[in-house]
Amino acid sequence: MTKTRARELSRLRYAKNDADFESEGTRCAGWLYTPEGVADPPVVMMAHGLGGERTFGLPKIAKEFVARGFAVFLFDYRNFGDSDGEPRNLVSASRHVEDWEAAIDHVRGLDAIDRRKIALWGTSYSGGHVIEAAADDHRIAAVIAQVPFVDGRTVARASGAKKVLKGTFAGVRDLVRKYTFRGPHTVPVAGYPDEFAVLNAPGAMEGMETIVPDPPVWENEVPARVFLEIPFYRPISVVEDVPCPLLLIGGRDDDIVPVSSIRSAAERADATYIELPIGHFDVYDDAFDAVVGYEAAFLDREVRE
């Protein structure tokens, strides 16, 4: 972010209030940002990707949207961050989508926003979740998915047979512990290429380190059952059912989510598609200004007008 833009944001006047909600009986932590001086603004809903919490680089993006006159609702999934739920850091696409649906219902009951103009914003794994949630909700105004996970088969093939096999064994071990009432068998969320982790592509560990707040209060681990889910999670199969405007942003140098899968999703949905020469985590750093600029322009065109 440029120094001029940083100074502008430092003068940004907005309210940030706790707005927790329940999903399947469990409390989820939410923040509602509202820009000062804007009556009934459209709202952008945001949550993180695989293993991430709402504090991991997302407030910076939220403030960019607020500076442009949007409200933002930013939340943690069950079992993550400031939300309740055990086991901690449980990655489950179906549960996350349930949390998105509960959050949408919650936001529709809030005051001081335009409930008719709700946009969903997702990144990486949550880029798939927002597609799934919007496919079943015809009242969503727009969807943004940056470097989105859309096809588990493609991701699994890119990971290689050795990692898939090792992950399957770890996942089964975790499920055995679950059904024998023991604590989860966990694996690292991020690691270096020579380490076993959910995300161990080149740059994954360094990328996570750039978004985790300092000092870190995050445990780099998730229950290993996520490996049993990844190959079968395919938001691309419902992308054509998303009835609202959809923006997909792909990274040509992404070693985590193959850009070919995002291209295919965009073609199926006839979505607005932007492909940049960036890696998976560059959306939070080197390409931040460009990506947020594209997203804000899309929101201005499809939600505000």
C-alpha atoms as a PDB file:
ATOM      1  CA  MET A   1       0.000   0.000   0.000  1.00  0.00           C
ATOM      2  CA  THR A   2       1.348   3.440  -0.866  1.00  0.00           C
ATOM      3  CA  LYS A   3       2.221   5.904   1.898  1.00  0.00           C
ATOM      4  CA  THR A   4      -0.459   8.284   0.626  1.00  0.00           C
ATOM      5  CA  ARG A   5      -3.094   5.548   0.792  1.00  0.00           C
ATOM      6  CA  ALA A   6      -1.918   4.550   4.284  1.00  0.00           C
ATOM      7  CA  ARG A   7      -2.334   8.146   5.456  1.00  0.00           C
ATOM      8  CA  GLU A   8      -5.823   8.263   3.975  1.00  0.00           C
ATOM      9  CA  LEU A   9      -6.823   5.091   5.791  1.00  0.00           C
ATOM     10  CA  SER A  10      -5.373   6.373   9.052  1.00  0.00           C
ATOM     11  CA  ARG A  11      -7.886   9.226   8.836  1.00  0.00           C
ATOM     12  CA  LEU A  12     -10.756   6.911   7.956  1.00  0.00           C
ATOM     13  CA  ARG A  13     -13.655   7.288  10.369  1.00  0.00           C
ATOM     14  CA  TYR A  14     -15.730   4.197  10.919  1.00  0.00           C
ATOM     15  CA  ALA A  15     -17.401   2.178  13.661  1.00  0.00           C
ATOM     16  CA  LYS A  16     -16.346  -1.384  14.422  1.00  0.00           C
ATOM     17  CA  ASN A  17     -18.727  -3.335  16.635  1.00  0.00           C
ATOM     18  CA  ASP A  18     -18.983  -6.917  17.798  1.00  0.00           C
ATOM     19  CA  ALA A  19     -21.845  -8.672  16.009  1.00  0.00           C
ATOM     20  CA  ASP A  20     -21.672 -12.310  17.057  1.00  0.00           C
ATOM     21  CA  PHE A  21     -24.148 -14.885  15.795  1.00  0.00           C
ATOM     22  CA  GLU A  22     -24.980 -18.563  16.199  1.00  0.00           C
ATOM     23  CA  SER A  23     -24.374 -21.312  13.686  1.00  0.00           C
ATOM     24  CA  GLU A  24     -25.872 -24.704  14.515  1.00  0.00           C
ATOM     25  CA  GLY A  25     -26.005 -23.666  18.188  1.00  0.00           C
ATOM     26  CA  THR A  26     -22.391 -22.468  18.414  1.00  0.00           C
ATOM     27  CA  ARG A  27     -21.347 -18.832  18.808  1.00  0.00           C
ATOM     28  CA  CYS A  28     -19.404 -17.355  15.906  1.00  0.00           C
ATOM     29  CA  ALA A  29     -17.487 -14.121  16.381  1.00  0.00           C
ATOM     30  CA  GLY A  30     -18.314 -11.307  13.982  1.00  0.00           C
ATOM     31  CA  TRP A  31     -17.267  -7.691  13.501  1.00  0.00           C
ATOM     32  CA  LEU A  32     -19.390  -5.130  11.714  1.00  0.00           C
ATOM     33  CA  TYR A  33     -17.537  -2.183  10.196  1.00  0.00           C
ATOM     34  CA  THR A  34     -19.697   0.789   9.174  1.00  0.00           C
ATOM     35  CA  PRO A  35     -18.352   3.920   7.455  1.00  0.00           C
ATOM     36  CA  GLU A  36     -19.136   7.223   9.093  1.00  0.00           C
ATOM     37  CA  GLY A  37     -21.559   9.463   7.237  1.00  0.00           C
ATOM     38  CA  VAL A  38     -22.980   6.787   4.917  1.00  0.00           C
ATOM     39  CA  ALA A  39     -26.646   5.947   5.400  1.00  0.00           C
ATOM     40  CA  ASP A  40     -27.595   2.283   4.875  1.00  0.00           C
ATOM     41  CA  PRO A  41     -24.436   1.226   3.026  1.00  0.00           C
ATOM     42  CA  PRO A  42     -24.166  -2.000   1.028  1.00  0.00           C
ATOM     43  CA  VAL A  43     -22.342  -4.681   3.006  1.00  0.00           C
ATOM     44  CA  VAL A  44     -19.462  -6.965   2.042  1.00  0.00           C
ATOM     45  CA  MET A  45     -19.272 -10.205   4.018  1.00  0.00           C
ATOM     46  CA  MET A  46     -15.831 -11.739   4.518  1.00  0.00           C
ATOM     47  CA  ALA A  47     -14.243 -14.830   6.052  1.00  0.00           C
ATOM     48  CA  HIS A  48     -10.882 -16.527   5.622  1.00  0.00           C
ATOM     49  CA  GLY A  49      -9.570 -19.519   3.759  1.00  0.00           C
ATOM     50  CA  LEU A  50      -8.167 -22.837   4.955  1.00  0.00           C
ATOM     51  CA  GLY A  51      -6.866 -22.558   8.525  1.00  0.00           C
ATOM     52  CA  GLY A  52      -7.181 -18.761   8.643  1.00  0.00           C
ATOM     53  CA  GLU A  53      -8.754 -16.432  11.182  1.00  0.00           C
ATOM     54  CA  ARG A  54     -10.438 -13.079  10.650  1.00  0.00           C
ATOM     55  CA  THR A  55      -7.376 -11.224  11.968  1.00  0.00           C
ATOM     56  CA  PHE A  56      -5.099 -12.751   9.305  1.00  0.00           C
ATOM     57  CA  GLY A  57      -4.768  -9.867   6.858  1.00  0.00           C
ATOM     58  CA  LEU A  58      -8.508  -9.370   6.393  1.00  0.00           C
ATOM     59  CA  PRO A  59      -9.021  -6.201   8.495  1.00  0.00           C
ATOM     60  CA  LYS A  60      -6.656  -4.412   6.097  1.00  0.00           C
ATOM     61  CA  ILE A  61      -8.861  -5.397   3.168  1.00  0.00           C
ATOM     62  CA  ALA A  62     -12.039  -4.602   5.091  1.00  0.00           C
ATOM     63  CA  LYS A  63     -10.848  -1.047   5.729  1.00  0.00           C
ATOM     64  CA  GLU A  64     -10.258  -0.551   2.014  1.00  0.00           C
ATOM     65  CA  PHE A  65     -13.883  -1.406   1.325  1.00  0.00           C
ATOM     66  CA  VAL A  66     -15.093   0.748   4.228  1.00  0.00           C
ATOM     67  CA  ALA A  67     -13.057   3.668   2.850  1.00  0.00           C
ATOM     68  CA  ARG A  68     -15.103   3.330  -0.337  1.00  0.00           C
ATOM     69  CA  GLY A  69     -18.412   3.550   1.527  1.00  0.00           C
ATOM     70  CA  PHE A  70     -19.223  -0.115   2.094  1.00  0.00           C
ATOM     71  CA  ALA A  71     -20.035  -1.764   5.397  1.00  0.00           C
ATOM     72  CA  VAL A  72     -18.105  -4.977   6.083  1.00  0.00           C
ATOM     73  CA  PHE A  73     -19.104  -8.006   8.146  1.00  0.00           C
ATOM     74  CA  LEU A  74     -16.023 -10.073   9.004  1.00  0.00           C
ATOM     75  CA  PHE A  75     -16.335 -13.319  10.943  1.00  0.00           C
ATOM     76  CA  ASP A  76     -14.581 -16.430  12.239  1.00  0.00           C
ATOM     77  CA  TYR A  77     -15.907 -19.907  11.532  1.00  0.00           C
ATOM     78  CA  ARG A  78     -16.917 -22.203  14.350  1.00  0.00           C
ATOM     79  CA  ASN A  79     -13.846 -23.674  16.083  1.00  0.00           C
ATOM     80  CA  PHE A  80     -11.616 -20.850  14.789  1.00  0.00           C
ATOM     81  CA  GLY A  81     -10.198 -17.643  16.216  1.00  0.00           C
ATOM     82  CA  ASP A  82     -12.588 -15.906  18.607  1.00  0.00           C
ATOM     83  CA  SER A  83     -15.493 -18.263  17.890  1.00  0.00           C
ATOM     84  CA  ASP A  84     -16.506 -21.141  20.142  1.00  0.00           C
ATOM     85  CA  GLY A  85     -16.344 -24.814  19.246  1.00  0.00           C
ATOM     86  CA  GLU A  86     -14.146 -27.888  19.588  1.00  0.00           C
ATOM     87  CA  PRO A  87     -11.913 -29.319  18.273  1.00  0.00           C
ATOM     88  CA  ARG A  88     -10.036 -26.160  17.487  1.00  0.00           C
ATOM     89  CA  ASN A  89      -9.172 -25.291  13.891  1.00  0.00           C
ATOM     90  CA  LEU A  90     -11.503 -27.914  12.440  1.00  0.00           C
ATOM     91  CA  VAL A  91     -11.532 -27.370   8.670  1.00  0.00           C
ATOM     92  CA  SER A  92     -14.779 -28.611   7.168  1.00  0.00           C
ATOM     93  CA  ALA A  93     -16.183 -27.154   3.962  1.00  0.00           C
ATOM     94  CA  SER A  94     -19.740 -28.216   4.773  1.00  0.00           C
ATOM     95  CA  ARG A  95     -19.560 -26.657   8.242  1.00  0.00           C
ATOM     96  CA  HIS A  96     -17.984 -23.482   6.867  1.00  0.00           C
ATOM     97  CA  VAL A  97     -20.762 -23.115   4.293  1.00  0.00           C
ATOM     98  CA  GLU A  98     -23.306 -23.556   7.099  1.00  0.00           C
ATOM     99  CA  ASP A  99     -21.530 -20.746   8.944  1.00  0.00           C
ATOM    100  CA  TRP A 100     -21.738 -18.550   5.849  1.00  0.00           C
ATOM    101  CA  GLU A 101     -25.466 -19.211   5.598  1.00  0.00           C
ATOM    102  CA  ALA A 102     -25.981 -18.421   9.287  1.00  0.00           C
ATOM    103  CA  ALA A 103     -23.905 -15.247   8.933  1.00  0.00           C
ATOM    104  CA  ILE A 104     -25.960 -14.124   5.929  1.00  0.00           C
ATOM    105  CA  ASP A 105     -29.190 -14.623   7.891  1.00  0.00           C
ATOM    106  CA  HIS A 106     -27.667 -12.665  10.762  1.00  0.00           C
ATOM    107  CA  VAL A 107     -26.605  -9.757   8.571  1.00  0.00           C
ATOM    108  CA  ARG A 108     -30.065  -9.562   7.053  1.00  0.00           C
ATOM    109  CA  GLY A 109     -31.323  -8.776  10.545  1.00  0.00           C
ATOM    110  CA  LEU A 110     -28.862  -5.977  11.279  1.00  0.00           C
ATOM    111  CA  ASP A 111     -29.688  -2.286  11.324  1.00  0.00           C
ATOM    112  CA  ALA A 112     -27.760   0.534   9.618  1.00  0.00           C
ATOM    113  CA  ILE A 113     -27.015  -1.401   6.410  1.00  0.00           C
ATOM    114  CA  ASP A 114     -28.793  -1.983   3.112  1.00  0.00           C
ATOM    115  CA  ARG A 115     -29.958  -5.578   3.552  1.00  0.00           C
ATOM    116  CA  ARG A 116     -30.876  -5.806  -0.135  1.00  0.00           C
ATOM    117  CA  LYS A 117     -27.259  -5.265  -1.177  1.00  0.00           C
ATOM    118  CA  ILE A 118     -25.126  -8.005   0.350  1.00  0.00           C
ATOM    119  CA  ALA A 119     -21.939  -9.130  -1.397  1.00  0.00           C
ATOM    120  CA  LEU A 120     -19.890 -12.186  -0.446  1.00  0.00           C
ATOM    121  CA  TRP A 121     -16.077 -12.062  -0.498  1.00  0.00           C
ATOM    122  CA  GLY A 122     -13.929 -15.168  -0.172  1.00  0.00           C
ATOM    123  CA  THR A 123     -10.284 -16.069  -0.552  1.00  0.00           C
ATOM    124  CA  SER A 124      -8.675 -19.459  -1.262  1.00  0.00           C
ATOM    125  CA  TYR A 125     -10.841 -22.114   0.476  1.00  0.00           C
ATOM    126  CA  SER A 126     -13.531 -19.557   1.320  1.00  0.00           C
ATOM    127  CA  GLY A 127     -13.522 -18.532  -2.336  1.00  0.00           C
ATOM    128  CA  GLY A 128     -15.227 -21.874  -2.865  1.00  0.00           C
ATOM    129  CA  HIS A 129     -17.547 -21.387   0.112  1.00  0.00           C
ATOM    130  CA  VAL A 130     -18.980 -18.124  -1.226  1.00  0.00           C
ATOM    131  CA  ILE A 131     -19.777 -19.835  -4.523  1.00  0.00           C
ATOM    132  CA  GLU A 132     -21.566 -22.634  -2.662  1.00  0.00           C
ATOM    133  CA  ALA A 133     -23.497 -20.193  -0.452  1.00  0.00           C
ATOM    134  CA  ALA A 134     -24.545 -17.917  -3.315  1.00  0.00           C
ATOM    135  CA  ALA A 135     -25.665 -20.828  -5.487  1.00  0.00           C
ATOM    136  CA  ASP A 136     -28.429 -21.476  -2.945  1.00  0.00           C
ATOM    137  CA  ASP A 137     -29.346 -17.854  -2.208  1.00  0.00           C
ATOM    138  CA  HIS A 138     -30.856 -15.764  -4.984  1.00  0.00           C
ATOM    139  CA  ARG A 139     -30.848 -12.605  -2.866  1.00  0.00           C
ATOM    140  CA  ILE A 140     -27.065 -12.169  -2.859  1.00  0.00           C
ATOM    141  CA  ALA A 141     -26.077  -9.092  -4.875  1.00  0.00           C
ATOM    142  CA  ALA A 142     -22.558 -10.131  -5.959  1.00  0.00           C
ATOM    143  CA  VAL A 143     -19.718 -12.550  -5.211  1.00  0.00           C
ATOM    144  CA  ILE A 144     -15.953 -12.014  -5.204  1.00  0.00           C
ATOM    145  CA  ALA A 145     -13.610 -15.018  -5.017  1.00  0.00           C
ATOM    146  CA  GLN A 146      -9.867 -14.360  -5.115  1.00  0.00           C
ATOM    147  CA  VAL A 147      -7.445 -17.230  -5.828  1.00  0.00           C
ATOM    148  CA  PRO A 148     -10.404 -19.503  -5.036  1.00  0.00           C
ATOM    149  CA  PHE A 149     -10.360 -23.222  -4.321  1.00  0.00           C
ATOM    150  CA  VAL A 150     -12.927 -24.467  -6.840  1.00  0.00           C
ATOM    151  CA  ASP A 151     -11.928 -28.034  -7.732  1.00  0.00           C
ATOM    152  CA  GLY A 152     -10.481 -30.492  -5.231  1.00  0.00           C
ATOM    153  CA  ARG A 153      -9.666 -33.021  -7.927  1.00  0.00           C
ATOM    154  CA  THR A 154      -7.356 -30.561  -9.642  1.00  0.00           C
ATOM    155  CA  VAL A 155      -5.724 -29.596  -6.349  1.00  0.00           C
ATOM    156  CA  ALA A 156      -5.210 -33.247  -5.394  1.00  0.00           C
ATOM    157  CA  ARG A 157      -3.620 -34.050  -8.763  1.00  0.00           C
ATOM    158  CA  ALA A 158      -1.280 -31.102  -8.409  1.00  0.00           C
ATOM    159  CA  SER A 159      -0.302 -32.272  -4.915  1.00  0.00           C
ATOM    160  CA  GLY A 160       0.904 -35.640  -6.205  1.00  0.00           C
ATOM    161  CA  ALA A 161       0.029 -39.218  -5.301  1.00  0.00           C
ATOM    162  CA  LYS A 162       2.543 -39.450  -2.441  1.00  0.00           C
ATOM    163  CA  LYS A 163       1.040 -36.525  -0.544  1.00  0.00           C
ATOM    164  CA  VAL A 164      -2.524 -37.671  -1.223  1.00  0.00           C
ATOM    165  CA  LEU A 165      -1.725 -41.138   0.137  1.00  0.00           C
ATOM    166  CA  LYS A 166       0.023 -39.793   3.222  1.00  0.00           C
ATOM    167  CA  GLY A 167      -2.807 -37.346   3.808  1.00  0.00           C
ATOM    168  CA  THR A 168      -5.389 -40.129   3.513  1.00  0.00           C
ATOM    169  CA  PHE A 169      -3.623 -42.184   6.172  1.00  0.00           C
ATOM    170  CA  ALA A 170      -3.406 -39.142   8.451  1.00  0.00           C
ATOM    171  CA  GLY A 171      -7.092 -38.374   7.889  1.00  0.00           C
ATOM    172  CA  VAL A 172      -8.194 -41.916   8.692  1.00  0.00           C
ATOM    173  CA  ARG A 173      -6.060 -41.844  11.839  1.00  0.00           C
ATOM    174  CA  ASP A 174      -7.792 -38.628  12.874  1.00  0.00           C
ATOM    175  CA  LEU A 175     -11.263 -40.105  12.292  1.00  0.00           C
ATOM    176  CA  VAL A 176     -10.374 -43.179  14.347  1.00  0.00           C
ATOM    177  CA  ARG A 177      -9.416 -40.890  17.224  1.00  0.00           C
ATOM    178  CA  LYS A 178     -12.675 -38.950  16.774  1.00  0.00           C
ATOM    179  CA  TYR A 179     -14.864 -42.047  16.966  1.00  0.00           C
ATOM    180  CA  THR A 180     -12.937 -43.429  19.935  1.00  0.00           C
ATOM    181  CA  PHE A 181     -13.492 -40.145  21.801  1.00  0.00           C
ATOM    182  CA  ARG A 182      -9.896 -39.003  21.786  1.00  0.00           C
ATOM    183  CA  GLY A 183      -8.387 -35.691  20.784  1.00  0.00           C
ATOM    184  CA  PRO A 184      -7.716 -35.098  17.081  1.00  0.00           C
ATOM    185  CA  HIS A 185      -4.653 -36.168  15.176  1.00  0.00           C
ATOM    186  CA  THR A 186      -3.399 -32.877  13.790  1.00  0.00           C
ATOM    187  CA  VAL A 187      -1.142 -31.871  10.919  1.00  0.00           C
ATOM    188  CA  PRO A 188       0.439 -28.495  10.105  1.00  0.00           C
ATOM    189  CA  VAL A 189      -1.608 -26.064   8.045  1.00  0.00           C
ATOM    190  CA  ALA A 190       1.486 -24.678   6.358  1.00  0.00           C
ATOM    191  CA  GLY A 191       4.971 -26.017   5.891  1.00  0.00           C
ATOM    192  CA  TYR A 192       7.975 -25.869   3.598  1.00  0.00           C
ATOM    193  CA  PRO A 193       8.116 -28.027   0.444  1.00  0.00           C
ATOM    194  CA  ASP A 194      10.167 -30.750   2.175  1.00  0.00           C
ATOM    195  CA  GLU A 195       7.688 -30.949   5.069  1.00  0.00           C
ATOM    196  CA  PHE A 196       4.309 -32.654   5.321  1.00  0.00           C
ATOM    197  CA  ALA A 197       1.534 -30.071   5.667  1.00  0.00           C
ATOM    198  CA  VAL A 198      -1.826 -29.264   4.131  1.00  0.00           C
ATOM    199  CA  LEU A 199      -0.177 -26.359   2.324  1.00  0.00           C
ATOM    200  CA  ASN A 200       3.459 -27.127   1.511  1.00  0.00           C
ATOM    201  CA  ALA A 201       3.822 -25.710  -1.977  1.00  0.00           C
ATOM    202  CA  PRO A 202       6.688 -23.257  -2.527  1.00  0.00           C
ATOM    203  CA  GLY A 203       5.926 -20.022  -0.703  1.00  0.00           C
ATOM    204  CA  ALA A 204       3.091 -21.422   1.435  1.00  0.00           C
ATOM    205  CA  MET A 205       4.879 -21.129   4.773  1.00  0.00           C
ATOM    206  CA  GLU A 206       6.273 -17.702   3.973  1.00  0.00           C
ATOM    207  CA  GLY A 207       2.842 -16.600   2.780  1.00  0.00           C
ATOM    208  CA  MET A 208       1.114 -17.652   5.985  1.00  0.00           C
ATOM    209  CA  GLU A 209       3.775 -15.860   7.997  1.00  0.00           C
ATOM    210  CA  THR A 210       2.996 -12.606   6.175  1.00  0.00           C
ATOM    211  CA  ILE A 211      -0.673 -12.618   7.217  1.00  0.00           C
ATOM    212  CA  VAL A 212      -0.515 -14.024  10.765  1.00  0.00           C
ATOM    213  CA  PRO A 213      -0.518 -11.076  13.213  1.00  0.00           C
ATOM    214  CA  ASP A 214       2.565 -10.319  15.252  1.00  0.00           C
ATOM    215  CA  PRO A 215       2.940 -11.609  17.933  1.00  0.00           C
ATOM    216  CA  PRO A 216       1.329 -14.795  16.613  1.00  0.00           C
ATOM    217  CA  VAL A 217      -1.303 -16.447  18.792  1.00  0.00           C
ATOM    218  CA  TRP A 218      -2.131 -19.094  16.223  1.00  0.00           C
ATOM    219  CA  GLU A 219      -1.413 -22.800  16.359  1.00  0.00           C
ATOM    220  CA  ASN A 220      -0.192 -24.042  12.977  1.00  0.00           C
ATOM    221  CA  GLU A 221      -2.278 -27.212  13.023  1.00  0.00           C
ATOM    222  CA  VAL A 222      -5.628 -28.613  11.923  1.00  0.00           C
ATOM    223  CA  PRO A 223      -7.316 -31.997  12.413  1.00  0.00           C
ATOM    224  CA  ALA A 224      -6.019 -34.254   9.647  1.00  0.00           C
ATOM    225  CA  ARG A 225      -9.509 -35.281   8.467  1.00  0.00           C
ATOM    226  CA  VAL A 226      -9.342 -32.288   6.104  1.00  0.00           C
ATOM    227  CA  PHE A 227      -7.282 -34.487   3.750  1.00  0.00           C
ATOM    228  CA  LEU A 228     -10.309 -36.751   3.293  1.00  0.00           C
ATOM    229  CA  GLU A 229     -12.416 -33.793   2.193  1.00  0.00           C
ATOM    230  CA  ILE A 230     -10.169 -31.856  -0.175  1.00  0.00           C
ATOM    231  CA  PRO A 231     -10.364 -34.121  -3.279  1.00  0.00           C
ATOM    232  CA  PHE A 232     -14.166 -34.198  -3.118  1.00  0.00           C
ATOM    233  CA  TYR A 233     -14.864 -30.507  -2.503  1.00  0.00           C
ATOM    234  CA  ARG A 234     -15.802 -29.069  -5.908  1.00  0.00           C
ATOM    235  CA  PRO A 235     -17.573 -25.693  -5.874  1.00  0.00           C
ATOM    236  CA  ILE A 236     -16.973 -25.662  -9.637  1.00  0.00           C
ATOM    237  CA  SER A 237     -19.881 -28.119  -9.889  1.00  0.00           C
ATOM    238  CA  VAL A 238     -22.363 -25.440  -8.737  1.00  0.00           C
ATOM    239  CA  VAL A 239     -20.720 -22.290 -10.091  1.00  0.00           C
ATOM    240  CA  GLU A 240     -23.204 -22.124 -12.964  1.00  0.00           C
ATOM    241  CA  ASP A 241     -25.999 -21.878 -10.382  1.00  0.00           C
ATOM    242  CA  VAL A 242     -24.723 -18.602  -8.947  1.00  0.00           C
ATOM    243  CA  PRO A 243     -27.375 -16.138 -10.154  1.00  0.00           C
ATOM    244  CA  CYS A 244     -25.613 -12.889  -9.304  1.00  0.00           C
ATOM    245  CA  PRO A 245     -22.539 -11.160 -10.812  1.00  0.00           C
ATOM    246  CA  LEU A 246     -19.379 -13.098  -9.989  1.00  0.00           C
ATOM    247  CA  LEU A 247     -15.748 -11.930 -10.009  1.00  0.00           C
ATOM    248  CA  LEU A 248     -12.980 -14.540 -10.009  1.00  0.00           C
ATOM    249  CA  ILE A 249      -9.324 -13.557  -9.646  1.00  0.00           C
ATOM    250  CA  GLY A 250      -6.660 -16.126 -10.482  1.00  0.00           C
ATOM    251  CA  GLY A 251      -2.906 -16.157  -9.988  1.00  0.00           C
ATOM    252  CA  ARG A 252      -0.846 -17.346 -12.940  1.00  0.00           C
ATOM    253  CA  ASP A 253       2.011 -18.318 -10.582  1.00  0.00           C
ATOM    254  CA  ASP A 254      -0.225 -19.897  -7.916  1.00  0.00           C
ATOM    255  CA  ASP A 255       1.358 -23.144  -6.662  1.00  0.00           C
ATOM    256  CA  ILE A 256      -1.548 -23.952  -4.320  1.00  0.00           C
ATOM    257  CA  VAL A 257      -4.681 -23.509  -6.456  1.00  0.00           C
ATOM    258  CA  PRO A 258      -4.036 -24.340 -10.140  1.00  0.00           C
ATOM    259  CA  VAL A 259      -5.121 -21.330 -12.164  1.00  0.00           C
ATOM    260  CA  SER A 260      -6.558 -23.637 -14.832  1.00  0.00           C
ATOM    261  CA  SER A 261      -9.347 -24.623 -12.440  1.00  0.00           C
ATOM    262  CA  ILE A 262     -10.280 -20.975 -11.863  1.00  0.00           C
ATOM    263  CA  ARG A 263     -10.319 -20.319 -15.605  1.00  0.00           C
ATOM    264  CA  SER A 264     -12.649 -23.281 -16.068  1.00  0.00           C
ATOM    265  CA  ALA A 265     -14.980 -22.046 -13.330  1.00  0.00           C
ATOM    266  CA  ALA A 266     -15.088 -18.578 -14.881  1.00  0.00           C
ATOM    267  CA  GLU A 267     -15.959 -20.033 -18.286  1.00  0.00           C
ATOM    268  CA  ARG A 268     -18.738 -22.188 -16.849  1.00  0.00           C
ATOM    269  CA  ALA A 269     -20.290 -19.277 -14.977  1.00  0.00           C
ATOM    270  CA  ASP A 270     -19.606 -16.597 -17.576  1.00  0.00           C
ATOM    271  CA  ALA A 271     -18.024 -14.691 -14.691  1.00  0.00           C
ATOM    272  CA  THR A 272     -15.838 -11.624 -14.763  1.00  0.00           C
ATOM    273  CA  TYR A 273     -12.344 -13.120 -14.716  1.00  0.00           C
ATOM    274  CA  ILE A 274      -9.037 -11.437 -13.997  1.00  0.00           C
ATOM    275  CA  GLU A 275      -5.757 -13.351 -14.176  1.00  0.00           C
ATOM    276  CA  LEU A 276      -2.630 -11.775 -12.745  1.00  0.00           C
ATOM    277  CA  PRO A 277       1.046 -12.845 -12.731  1.00  0.00           C
ATOM    278  CA  ILE A 278       0.993 -13.516  -8.985  1.00  0.00           C
ATOM    279  CA  GLY A 279       1.280 -16.328  -6.460  1.00  0.00           C
ATOM    280  CA  HIS A 280      -1.342 -17.457  -3.972  1.00  0.00           C
ATOM    281  CA  PHE A 281      -0.401 -15.133  -1.115  1.00  0.00           C
ATOM    282  CA  ASP A 282       0.537 -12.104  -3.218  1.00  0.00           C
ATOM    283  CA  VAL A 283      -3.079 -10.917  -2.955  1.00  0.00           C
ATOM    284  CA  TYR A 284      -2.251  -9.827   0.616  1.00  0.00           C
ATOM    285  CA  ASP A 285       1.061  -8.174  -0.172  1.00  0.00           C
ATOM    286  CA  ASP A 286       2.714  -7.431  -3.529  1.00  0.00           C
ATOM    287  CA  ALA A 287      -0.547  -7.405  -5.504  1.00  0.00           C
ATOM    288  CA  PHE A 288      -2.702  -5.968  -2.727  1.00  0.00           C
ATOM    289  CA  ASP A 289      -3.466  -2.589  -4.292  1.00  0.00           C
ATOM    290  CA  ALA A 290      -4.211  -4.035  -7.727  1.00  0.00           C
ATOM    291  CA  VAL A 291      -6.466  -6.788  -6.418  1.00  0.00           C
ATOM    292  CA  VAL A 292      -8.427  -4.548  -4.057  1.00  0.00           C
ATOM    293  CA  GLY A 293      -8.774  -2.013  -6.854  1.00  0.00           C
ATOM    294  CA  TYR A 294     -10.341  -4.594  -9.179  1.00  0.00           C
ATOM    295  CA  GLU A 295     -12.625  -5.819  -6.404  1.00  0.00           C
ATOM    296  CA  ALA A 296     -13.759  -2.327  -5.392  1.00  0.00           C
ATOM    297  CA  ALA A 297     -14.499  -1.400  -9.007  1.00  0.00           C
ATOM    298  CA  PHE A 298     -16.562  -4.574  -9.366  1.00  0.00           C
ATOM    299  CA  LEU A 299     -18.522  -3.763  -6.198  1.00  0.00           C
ATOM    300  CA  ASP A 300     -19.108  -0.196  -7.353  1.00  0.00           C
ATOM    301  CA  ARG A 301     -20.486  -1.452 -10.654  1.00  0.00           C
ATOM    302  CA  GLU A 302     -22.531  -4.409  -9.485  1.00  0.00           C
ATOM    303  CA  VAL A 303     -23.644  -3.542  -5.954  1.00  0.00           C
ATOM    304  CA  ARG A 304     -23.620   0.191  -5.408  1.00  0.00           C
ATOM    305  CA  GLU A 305     -25.315   1.239  -8.649  1.00  0.00           C
END
